[in-house]
Amino acid sequence: MNQLSFNNAIRTADHDLDPQPVASDQSIDGGPRTGTTRLGTFSNIKIGLWEMTPGVMSDVEVDEVFVVLSGSATVEFADGTAAMQLRPGDVARLEAGAATVWTVTETLRKVYLS
């Protein structure tokens, strides 16, 4: 089942997110690929899975809370905010409009709420 509905669970490791190459204007090094799927909504909040393969990419964030399920990465912020070191089990929050650089050293998979 791909949609998260009432009174059920989703095994996130079983989802093939079909990662695609990162756009050339965002790819910085290593040819990263990203994949995503929407799992559903909670009130008006989107719930989904996102994955990035090893490499470096820039992004502009949306307001989001996420939990790292697997992999490792560093997220640096253009405004000088301290970098986040991400590992499985970490919970993080991103602010809408934040300019970031993601350096993924082991394919990172997260479940997000935005």
N, C-alpha and C. Protein backbone atom coordinates (compact mmCIF):
# COMPACT_ATOMS: atom_id res chain seq x y z
N MET A 1 0.85 -1.18 0.00
CA MET A 1 0.00 0.00 0.00
C MET A 1 0.89 1.24 0.00
N ASN A 2 0.66 2.17 -0.90
CA ASN A 2 1.48 3.36 -1.02
C ASN A 2 0.96 4.55 -0.24
N GLN A 3 -0.31 4.56 0.11
CA GLN A 3 -0.88 5.69 0.83
C GLN A 3 -1.02 5.36 2.31
N LEU A 4 -0.65 6.31 3.13
CA LEU A 4 -0.79 6.17 4.57
C LEU A 4 -2.20 6.59 4.94
N SER A 5 -3.02 5.63 5.32
CA SER A 5 -4.40 5.93 5.69
C SER A 5 -4.60 5.55 7.16
N PHE A 6 -5.77 5.80 7.67
CA PHE A 6 -6.06 5.52 9.06
C PHE A 6 -5.83 4.05 9.39
N ASN A 7 -5.25 3.81 10.55
CA ASN A 7 -5.10 2.48 11.13
C ASN A 7 -4.29 1.52 10.26
N ASN A 8 -3.24 2.04 9.60
CA ASN A 8 -2.33 1.15 8.87
C ASN A 8 -0.90 1.66 8.99
N ALA A 9 0.02 0.87 8.53
CA ALA A 9 1.45 1.22 8.56
C ALA A 9 2.03 0.99 7.18
N ILE A 10 3.10 1.71 6.90
CA ILE A 10 3.82 1.57 5.63
C ILE A 10 5.26 1.20 5.95
N ARG A 11 5.76 0.18 5.29
CA ARG A 11 7.16 -0.20 5.43
C ARG A 11 7.97 0.66 4.47
N THR A 12 8.59 1.70 4.99
CA THR A 12 9.27 2.69 4.14
C THR A 12 10.45 2.11 3.38
N ALA A 13 11.08 1.08 3.89
CA ALA A 13 12.23 0.48 3.21
C ALA A 13 11.83 -0.23 1.93
N ASP A 14 10.56 -0.59 1.80
CA ASP A 14 10.08 -1.34 0.63
C ASP A 14 9.75 -0.46 -0.57
N HIS A 15 9.77 0.85 -0.41
CA HIS A 15 9.40 1.76 -1.51
C HIS A 15 10.59 2.00 -2.43
N ASP A 16 10.41 1.76 -3.73
CA ASP A 16 11.39 2.14 -4.73
C ASP A 16 11.06 3.56 -5.17
N LEU A 17 11.92 4.50 -4.82
CA LEU A 17 11.64 5.91 -5.11
C LEU A 17 12.13 6.33 -6.49
N ASP A 18 12.75 5.43 -7.25
CA ASP A 18 13.19 5.69 -8.62
C ASP A 18 13.95 7.02 -8.72
N PRO A 19 15.10 7.14 -8.02
CA PRO A 19 15.85 8.41 -8.03
C PRO A 19 16.25 8.84 -9.43
N GLN A 20 16.05 10.13 -9.69
CA GLN A 20 16.38 10.75 -10.98
C GLN A 20 17.55 11.72 -10.78
N PRO A 21 18.32 12.00 -11.84
CA PRO A 21 19.43 12.95 -11.70
C PRO A 21 18.95 14.31 -11.20
N VAL A 22 19.74 14.91 -10.33
CA VAL A 22 19.45 16.26 -9.83
C VAL A 22 19.66 17.24 -10.98
N ALA A 23 18.82 18.25 -11.06
CA ALA A 23 18.94 19.26 -12.11
C ALA A 23 20.34 19.85 -12.13
N SER A 24 20.85 20.14 -13.31
CA SER A 24 22.23 20.61 -13.46
C SER A 24 22.51 21.89 -12.69
N ASP A 25 21.50 22.75 -12.52
CA ASP A 25 21.73 24.00 -11.78
C ASP A 25 21.77 23.78 -10.27
N GLN A 26 21.45 22.57 -9.79
CA GLN A 26 21.51 22.23 -8.37
C GLN A 26 22.63 21.24 -8.06
N SER A 27 23.03 20.45 -9.03
CA SER A 27 24.07 19.43 -8.81
C SER A 27 25.44 20.11 -8.70
N ILE A 28 26.13 19.84 -7.60
CA ILE A 28 27.44 20.45 -7.38
C ILE A 28 28.57 19.46 -7.60
N ASP A 29 28.40 18.21 -7.13
CA ASP A 29 29.47 17.22 -7.25
C ASP A 29 28.90 15.82 -7.10
N GLY A 30 29.47 14.87 -7.80
CA GLY A 30 29.17 13.46 -7.60
C GLY A 30 27.94 12.92 -8.28
N GLY A 31 27.24 13.73 -9.06
CA GLY A 31 26.07 13.23 -9.79
C GLY A 31 24.96 12.68 -8.91
N PRO A 32 24.53 13.42 -7.88
CA PRO A 32 23.48 12.90 -7.01
C PRO A 32 22.16 12.70 -7.74
N ARG A 33 21.35 11.80 -7.18
CA ARG A 33 20.02 11.52 -7.70
C ARG A 33 19.04 11.63 -6.53
N THR A 34 17.83 12.09 -6.80
CA THR A 34 16.81 12.16 -5.77
C THR A 34 15.53 11.49 -6.24
N GLY A 35 14.80 10.97 -5.28
CA GLY A 35 13.50 10.37 -5.55
C GLY A 35 12.55 10.71 -4.42
N THR A 36 11.28 10.78 -4.73
CA THR A 36 10.30 11.11 -3.70
C THR A 36 8.97 10.44 -4.02
N THR A 37 8.18 10.25 -2.99
CA THR A 37 6.81 9.79 -3.17
C THR A 37 5.97 10.38 -2.04
N ARG A 38 4.78 10.75 -2.38
CA ARG A 38 3.86 11.28 -1.38
C ARG A 38 3.09 10.12 -0.76
N LEU A 39 3.04 10.08 0.56
CA LEU A 39 2.36 9.00 1.26
C LEU A 39 0.94 9.36 1.67
N GLY A 40 0.65 10.65 1.78
CA GLY A 40 -0.68 11.07 2.17
C GLY A 40 -0.64 12.43 2.82
N THR A 41 -1.70 12.74 3.56
CA THR A 41 -1.77 14.00 4.27
C THR A 41 -2.27 13.75 5.69
N PHE A 42 -1.96 14.69 6.56
CA PHE A 42 -2.45 14.70 7.94
C PHE A 42 -2.93 16.12 8.17
N SER A 43 -4.24 16.31 8.32
CA SER A 43 -4.84 17.64 8.27
C SER A 43 -4.44 18.22 6.91
N ASN A 44 -3.73 19.35 6.87
CA ASN A 44 -3.28 19.91 5.59
C ASN A 44 -1.79 19.73 5.40
N ILE A 45 -1.19 18.79 6.10
CA ILE A 45 0.26 18.58 6.05
C ILE A 45 0.56 17.40 5.12
N LYS A 46 1.47 17.62 4.18
CA LYS A 46 1.89 16.55 3.27
C LYS A 46 2.86 15.62 4.00
N ILE A 47 2.71 14.32 3.77
CA ILE A 47 3.61 13.31 4.32
C ILE A 47 4.23 12.58 3.14
N GLY A 48 5.55 12.42 3.16
CA GLY A 48 6.19 11.72 2.05
C GLY A 48 7.54 11.13 2.41
N LEU A 49 8.09 10.41 1.45
CA LEU A 49 9.44 9.87 1.54
C LEU A 49 10.31 10.58 0.53
N TRP A 50 11.56 10.83 0.88
CA TRP A 50 12.53 11.46 -0.01
C TRP A 50 13.85 10.75 0.17
N GLU A 51 14.59 10.61 -0.93
CA GLU A 51 15.88 9.92 -0.91
C GLU A 51 16.87 10.66 -1.80
N MET A 52 18.13 10.69 -1.36
CA MET A 52 19.20 11.26 -2.18
C MET A 52 20.39 10.31 -2.13
N THR A 53 20.96 10.03 -3.30
CA THR A 53 22.15 9.19 -3.38
C THR A 53 23.39 10.05 -3.09
N PRO A 54 24.54 9.42 -2.86
CA PRO A 54 25.75 10.19 -2.55
C PRO A 54 26.06 11.25 -3.60
N GLY A 55 26.49 12.40 -3.11
CA GLY A 55 26.83 13.53 -3.95
C GLY A 55 26.52 14.81 -3.21
N VAL A 56 26.65 15.93 -3.93
CA VAL A 56 26.44 17.25 -3.34
C VAL A 56 25.47 18.03 -4.23
N MET A 57 24.47 18.64 -3.58
CA MET A 57 23.50 19.46 -4.32
C MET A 57 23.07 20.66 -3.48
N SER A 58 22.63 21.71 -4.17
CA SER A 58 22.07 22.88 -3.49
C SER A 58 20.55 22.79 -3.57
N ASP A 59 19.90 23.48 -2.64
CA ASP A 59 18.44 23.47 -2.63
C ASP A 59 17.94 24.71 -1.90
N VAL A 60 16.68 25.05 -2.12
CA VAL A 60 15.99 26.06 -1.34
C VAL A 60 14.83 25.32 -0.68
N GLU A 61 14.77 25.38 0.63
CA GLU A 61 13.88 24.52 1.40
C GLU A 61 12.46 25.05 1.53
N VAL A 62 11.56 24.13 1.86
CA VAL A 62 10.20 24.45 2.28
C VAL A 62 10.14 24.25 3.79
N ASP A 63 9.11 24.73 4.44
CA ASP A 63 8.93 24.50 5.87
C ASP A 63 8.66 23.01 6.05
N GLU A 64 9.55 22.34 6.77
CA GLU A 64 9.50 20.88 6.81
C GLU A 64 10.08 20.35 8.12
N VAL A 65 9.50 19.26 8.59
CA VAL A 65 10.06 18.45 9.66
C VAL A 65 10.28 17.07 9.07
N PHE A 66 11.43 16.45 9.38
CA PHE A 66 11.69 15.12 8.84
C PHE A 66 12.44 14.26 9.84
N VAL A 67 12.34 12.94 9.62
CA VAL A 67 13.06 11.95 10.39
C VAL A 67 13.94 11.17 9.43
N VAL A 68 15.23 11.08 9.72
CA VAL A 68 16.15 10.32 8.88
C VAL A 68 15.95 8.83 9.18
N LEU A 69 15.65 8.07 8.14
CA LEU A 69 15.44 6.63 8.28
C LEU A 69 16.72 5.85 8.06
N SER A 70 17.54 6.30 7.11
CA SER A 70 18.80 5.61 6.80
C SER A 70 19.74 6.58 6.10
N GLY A 71 21.04 6.23 6.13
CA GLY A 71 22.05 7.02 5.44
C GLY A 71 22.68 8.08 6.31
N SER A 72 23.48 8.93 5.66
CA SER A 72 24.15 10.01 6.38
C SER A 72 24.41 11.18 5.44
N ALA A 73 24.36 12.39 6.03
CA ALA A 73 24.54 13.61 5.23
C ALA A 73 24.90 14.77 6.14
N THR A 74 25.42 15.81 5.51
CA THR A 74 25.64 17.10 6.16
C THR A 74 24.83 18.11 5.37
N VAL A 75 24.11 18.98 6.08
CA VAL A 75 23.36 20.06 5.44
C VAL A 75 23.96 21.37 5.94
N GLU A 76 24.47 22.17 4.99
CA GLU A 76 25.04 23.47 5.31
C GLU A 76 24.06 24.55 4.87
N PHE A 77 24.08 25.68 5.61
CA PHE A 77 23.15 26.77 5.38
C PHE A 77 23.90 28.02 4.92
N ALA A 78 23.39 28.66 3.88
CA ALA A 78 24.03 29.85 3.31
C ALA A 78 24.05 31.02 4.29
N ASP A 79 23.11 31.04 5.25
CA ASP A 79 23.04 32.16 6.19
C ASP A 79 24.00 32.02 7.37
N GLY A 80 24.81 30.96 7.39
CA GLY A 80 25.77 30.77 8.46
C GLY A 80 25.26 29.95 9.63
N THR A 81 24.00 29.50 9.59
CA THR A 81 23.49 28.60 10.62
C THR A 81 24.40 27.38 10.69
N ALA A 82 24.61 26.86 11.90
CA ALA A 82 25.46 25.68 12.06
C ALA A 82 24.96 24.53 11.19
N ALA A 83 25.90 23.82 10.57
CA ALA A 83 25.56 22.68 9.72
C ALA A 83 24.92 21.56 10.54
N MET A 84 24.02 20.82 9.91
CA MET A 84 23.41 19.64 10.54
C MET A 84 24.15 18.40 10.05
N GLN A 85 24.51 17.53 10.98
CA GLN A 85 25.07 16.22 10.66
C GLN A 85 23.94 15.22 10.85
N LEU A 86 23.48 14.60 9.78
CA LEU A 86 22.31 13.74 9.84
C LEU A 86 22.67 12.26 9.82
N ARG A 87 22.03 11.51 10.73
CA ARG A 87 22.19 10.06 10.84
C ARG A 87 20.81 9.44 11.10
N PRO A 88 20.66 8.13 10.93
CA PRO A 88 19.37 7.49 11.20
C PRO A 88 18.85 7.81 12.60
N GLY A 89 17.56 8.12 12.65
CA GLY A 89 16.91 8.45 13.91
C GLY A 89 16.85 9.93 14.20
N ASP A 90 17.62 10.75 13.48
CA ASP A 90 17.61 12.19 13.71
C ASP A 90 16.29 12.80 13.24
N VAL A 91 15.81 13.78 14.00
CA VAL A 91 14.64 14.57 13.63
C VAL A 91 15.15 15.98 13.37
N ALA A 92 14.75 16.57 12.26
CA ALA A 92 15.24 17.90 11.89
C ALA A 92 14.09 18.75 11.37
N ARG A 93 14.32 20.07 11.41
CA ARG A 93 13.34 21.00 10.87
C ARG A 93 14.06 21.98 9.96
N LEU A 94 13.46 22.25 8.81
CA LEU A 94 13.98 23.22 7.86
C LEU A 94 13.00 24.37 7.72
N GLU A 95 13.56 25.56 7.54
CA GLU A 95 12.74 26.76 7.39
C GLU A 95 12.53 27.07 5.90
N ALA A 96 11.33 27.42 5.55
CA ALA A 96 11.03 27.78 4.16
C ALA A 96 11.96 28.90 3.70
N GLY A 97 12.53 28.73 2.52
CA GLY A 97 13.41 29.74 1.93
C GLY A 97 14.88 29.57 2.27
N ALA A 98 15.21 28.67 3.19
CA ALA A 98 16.61 28.47 3.57
C ALA A 98 17.39 27.91 2.38
N ALA A 99 18.51 28.56 2.04
CA ALA A 99 19.39 28.07 0.98
C ALA A 99 20.36 27.08 1.62
N THR A 100 20.39 25.86 1.07
CA THR A 100 21.18 24.79 1.67
C THR A 100 22.08 24.11 0.65
N VAL A 101 23.08 23.42 1.17
CA VAL A 101 23.90 22.50 0.38
C VAL A 101 23.90 21.17 1.12
N TRP A 102 23.41 20.14 0.44
CA TRP A 102 23.35 18.78 0.98
C TRP A 102 24.54 17.98 0.48
N THR A 103 25.33 17.43 1.40
CA THR A 103 26.42 16.53 1.06
C THR A 103 26.06 15.17 1.64
N VAL A 104 25.69 14.25 0.77
CA VAL A 104 25.27 12.91 1.19
C VAL A 104 26.43 11.95 0.97
N THR A 105 26.81 11.25 2.04
CA THR A 105 27.92 10.29 1.96
C THR A 105 27.42 8.85 1.89
N GLU A 106 26.21 8.62 2.34
CA GLU A 106 25.55 7.30 2.24
C GLU A 106 24.10 7.60 1.93
N THR A 107 23.53 6.94 0.91
CA THR A 107 22.17 7.26 0.46
C THR A 107 21.27 7.55 1.65
N LEU A 108 20.69 8.74 1.64
CA LEU A 108 19.85 9.23 2.73
C LEU A 108 18.38 9.07 2.37
N ARG A 109 17.64 8.50 3.29
CA ARG A 109 16.19 8.37 3.12
C ARG A 109 15.53 8.99 4.35
N LYS A 110 14.51 9.82 4.09
CA LYS A 110 13.80 10.46 5.19
C LYS A 110 12.30 10.41 4.95
N VAL A 111 11.54 10.46 6.01
CA VAL A 111 10.11 10.67 5.95
C VAL A 111 9.90 12.11 6.37
N TYR A 112 9.08 12.84 5.60
CA TYR A 112 8.93 14.28 5.88
C TYR A 112 7.46 14.66 6.05
N LEU A 113 7.28 15.77 6.75
CA LEU A 113 5.99 16.43 6.91
C LEU A 113 6.22 17.88 6.48
N SER A 114 5.43 18.34 5.51
CA SER A 114 5.59 19.73 5.05
C SER A 114 4.23 20.36 4.73
